[in-house]
Amino acid sequence: MEGEKRGLEKEIKKLDDQISRLSRNIIDYEKMKKNLNLFANAFESLSPEEIKRLLRLLVKKVTFYKDRIHISLRDLTASGLSLEKIPRFGNFQIWLPE
């Protein structure tokens, strides 16, 4: 009986930890929408060279399939890279989970 209780308490702690982790991963839709609009406006004003540099900063890998294209983006927070270093993108709000 005591072993079963410890097992259940361990499972509860595991679930509490999972709930806590998931609650930190909530995306703020309104901030994301606002920032994507800002990004689109700023992107349109970039020179071809700036666009090239920006895409190299953001895009990790592009995979072509017969019926689709898959684009993997870099995790800028993990790499230490930041859009803040590019003048037109320096005032973005954080909208993704930390």
C-alpha atoms as a PDB file:
ATOM      1  CA  MET A   1       0.000   0.000   0.000  1.00  0.00           C
ATOM      2  CA  GLU A   2       2.803   2.435   0.932  1.00  0.00           C
ATOM      3  CA  GLY A   3       4.661   1.619  -2.313  1.00  0.00           C
ATOM      4  CA  GLU A   4       1.532   2.289  -4.330  1.00  0.00           C
ATOM      5  CA  LYS A   5       1.090   5.657  -2.568  1.00  0.00           C
ATOM      6  CA  ARG A   6       4.692   6.670  -3.360  1.00  0.00           C
ATOM      7  CA  GLY A   7       4.179   5.620  -6.978  1.00  0.00           C
ATOM      8  CA  LEU A   8       1.036   7.747  -7.255  1.00  0.00           C
ATOM      9  CA  GLU A   9       2.733  10.744  -5.620  1.00  0.00           C
ATOM     10  CA  LYS A  10       5.613  10.402  -8.077  1.00  0.00           C
ATOM     11  CA  GLU A  11       3.155  10.302 -10.977  1.00  0.00           C
ATOM     12  CA  ILE A  12       1.340  13.399  -9.633  1.00  0.00           C
ATOM     13  CA  LYS A  13       4.646  15.296  -9.406  1.00  0.00           C
ATOM     14  CA  LYS A  14       5.513  14.241 -12.952  1.00  0.00           C
ATOM     15  CA  LEU A  15       2.129  15.493 -14.222  1.00  0.00           C
ATOM     16  CA  ASP A  16       2.460  18.768 -12.269  1.00  0.00           C
ATOM     17  CA  ASP A  17       5.874  19.328 -13.862  1.00  0.00           C
ATOM     18  CA  GLN A  18       4.432  18.622 -17.304  1.00  0.00           C
ATOM     19  CA  ILE A  19       1.534  21.050 -16.729  1.00  0.00           C
ATOM     20  CA  SER A  20       3.983  23.722 -15.578  1.00  0.00           C
ATOM     21  CA  ARG A  21       6.173  23.217 -18.661  1.00  0.00           C
ATOM     22  CA  LEU A  22       3.199  23.348 -21.027  1.00  0.00           C
ATOM     23  CA  SER A  23       1.776  26.496 -19.417  1.00  0.00           C
ATOM     24  CA  ARG A  24       5.049  28.313 -20.153  1.00  0.00           C
ATOM     25  CA  ASN A  25       4.722  27.415 -23.852  1.00  0.00           C
ATOM     26  CA  ILE A  26       1.574  29.428 -24.542  1.00  0.00           C
ATOM     27  CA  ILE A  27       1.872  31.727 -27.559  1.00  0.00           C
ATOM     28  CA  ASP A  28       0.346  35.197 -27.304  1.00  0.00           C
ATOM     29  CA  TYR A  29      -1.687  35.323 -30.531  1.00  0.00           C
ATOM     30  CA  GLU A  30      -2.176  39.105 -30.561  1.00  0.00           C
ATOM     31  CA  LYS A  31       1.529  39.856 -30.043  1.00  0.00           C
ATOM     32  CA  MET A  32       2.436  37.319 -32.696  1.00  0.00           C
ATOM     33  CA  LYS A  33      -0.015  38.844 -35.192  1.00  0.00           C
ATOM     34  CA  LYS A  34       1.263  42.373 -34.486  1.00  0.00           C
ATOM     35  CA  ASN A  35       4.899  41.334 -34.855  1.00  0.00           C
ATOM     36  CA  LEU A  36       4.308  39.410 -38.066  1.00  0.00           C
ATOM     37  CA  ASN A  37       2.682  42.526 -39.542  1.00  0.00           C
ATOM     38  CA  LEU A  38       5.640  44.644 -38.394  1.00  0.00           C
ATOM     39  CA  PHE A  39       8.003  42.062 -39.830  1.00  0.00           C
ATOM     40  CA  ALA A  40       6.206  42.081 -43.202  1.00  0.00           C
ATOM     41  CA  ASN A  41       6.336  45.881 -43.381  1.00  0.00           C
ATOM     42  CA  ALA A  42      10.009  46.004 -42.412  1.00  0.00           C
ATOM     43  CA  PHE A  43      10.875  43.140 -44.776  1.00  0.00           C
ATOM     44  CA  GLU A  44       9.389  45.026 -47.733  1.00  0.00           C
ATOM     45  CA  SER A  45      11.728  47.949 -47.065  1.00  0.00           C
ATOM     46  CA  LEU A  46      14.916  45.851 -47.048  1.00  0.00           C
ATOM     47  CA  SER A  47      17.481  45.923 -49.811  1.00  0.00           C
ATOM     48  CA  PRO A  48      18.238  42.653 -51.626  1.00  0.00           C
ATOM     49  CA  GLU A  49      21.491  42.308 -49.629  1.00  0.00           C
ATOM     50  CA  GLU A  50      19.652  42.827 -46.323  1.00  0.00           C
ATOM     51  CA  ILE A  51      17.030  40.251 -47.330  1.00  0.00           C
ATOM     52  CA  LYS A  52      19.789  37.772 -48.122  1.00  0.00           C
ATOM     53  CA  ARG A  53      21.442  38.349 -44.718  1.00  0.00           C
ATOM     54  CA  LEU A  54      18.133  38.140 -42.878  1.00  0.00           C
ATOM     55  CA  LEU A  55      17.118  34.876 -44.541  1.00  0.00           C
ATOM     56  CA  ARG A  56      20.500  33.363 -43.722  1.00  0.00           C
ATOM     57  CA  LEU A  57      19.964  34.388 -40.117  1.00  0.00           C
ATOM     58  CA  LEU A  58      16.439  32.931 -39.899  1.00  0.00           C
ATOM     59  CA  VAL A  59      16.435  29.846 -42.144  1.00  0.00           C
ATOM     60  CA  LYS A  60      18.192  26.733 -40.909  1.00  0.00           C
ATOM     61  CA  LYS A  61      17.269  24.279 -43.663  1.00  0.00           C
ATOM     62  CA  VAL A  62      15.028  24.052 -46.723  1.00  0.00           C
ATOM     63  CA  THR A  63      13.833  20.628 -47.892  1.00  0.00           C
ATOM     64  CA  PHE A  64      12.098  20.208 -51.231  1.00  0.00           C
ATOM     65  CA  TYR A  65       9.539  17.435 -51.776  1.00  0.00           C
ATOM     66  CA  LYS A  66       7.473  16.625 -54.851  1.00  0.00           C
ATOM     67  CA  ASP A  67       4.364  18.252 -53.391  1.00  0.00           C
ATOM     68  CA  ARG A  68       5.680  20.715 -50.799  1.00  0.00           C
ATOM     69  CA  ILE A  69       8.610  22.617 -49.346  1.00  0.00           C
ATOM     70  CA  HIS A  70       9.597  22.345 -45.674  1.00  0.00           C
ATOM     71  CA  ILE A  71      11.477  25.286 -44.147  1.00  0.00           C
ATOM     72  CA  SER A  72      13.170  24.859 -40.760  1.00  0.00           C
ATOM     73  CA  LEU A  73      13.883  28.056 -38.851  1.00  0.00           C
ATOM     74  CA  ARG A  74      16.733  28.670 -36.443  1.00  0.00           C
ATOM     75  CA  ASP A  75      16.075  29.058 -32.731  1.00  0.00           C
ATOM     76  CA  LEU A  76      17.542  32.524 -32.337  1.00  0.00           C
ATOM     77  CA  THR A  77      17.244  32.486 -28.558  1.00  0.00           C
ATOM     78  CA  ALA A  78      19.353  29.327 -28.214  1.00  0.00           C
ATOM     79  CA  SER A  79      22.012  30.522 -30.655  1.00  0.00           C
ATOM     80  CA  GLY A  80      22.487  33.969 -29.157  1.00  0.00           C
ATOM     81  CA  LEU A  81      21.477  35.542 -32.483  1.00  0.00           C
ATOM     82  CA  SER A  82      18.865  38.245 -32.470  1.00  0.00           C
ATOM     83  CA  LEU A  83      16.783  40.321 -34.858  1.00  0.00           C
ATOM     84  CA  GLU A  84      17.485  43.217 -32.503  1.00  0.00           C
ATOM     85  CA  LYS A  85      20.885  43.563 -34.187  1.00  0.00           C
ATOM     86  CA  ILE A  86      19.114  44.483 -37.420  1.00  0.00           C
ATOM     87  CA  PRO A  87      17.907  48.101 -37.071  1.00  0.00           C
ATOM     88  CA  ARG A  88      14.461  47.701 -38.640  1.00  0.00           C
ATOM     89  CA  PHE A  89      13.704  44.669 -36.461  1.00  0.00           C
ATOM     90  CA  GLY A  90      15.076  45.925 -33.155  1.00  0.00           C
ATOM     91  CA  ASN A  91      11.771  46.808 -31.494  1.00  0.00           C
ATOM     92  CA  PHE A  92       9.910  43.499 -31.803  1.00  0.00           C
ATOM     93  CA  GLN A  93       8.071  42.235 -28.753  1.00  0.00           C
ATOM     94  CA  ILE A  94       8.637  38.683 -27.585  1.00  0.00           C
ATOM     95  CA  TRP A  95       5.658  36.575 -28.629  1.00  0.00           C
ATOM     96  CA  LEU A  96       7.042  33.055 -28.418  1.00  0.00           C
ATOM     97  CA  PRO A  97       7.510  31.039 -25.244  1.00  0.00           C
ATOM     98  CA  GLU A  98      10.815  31.431 -23.485  1.00  0.00           C
END
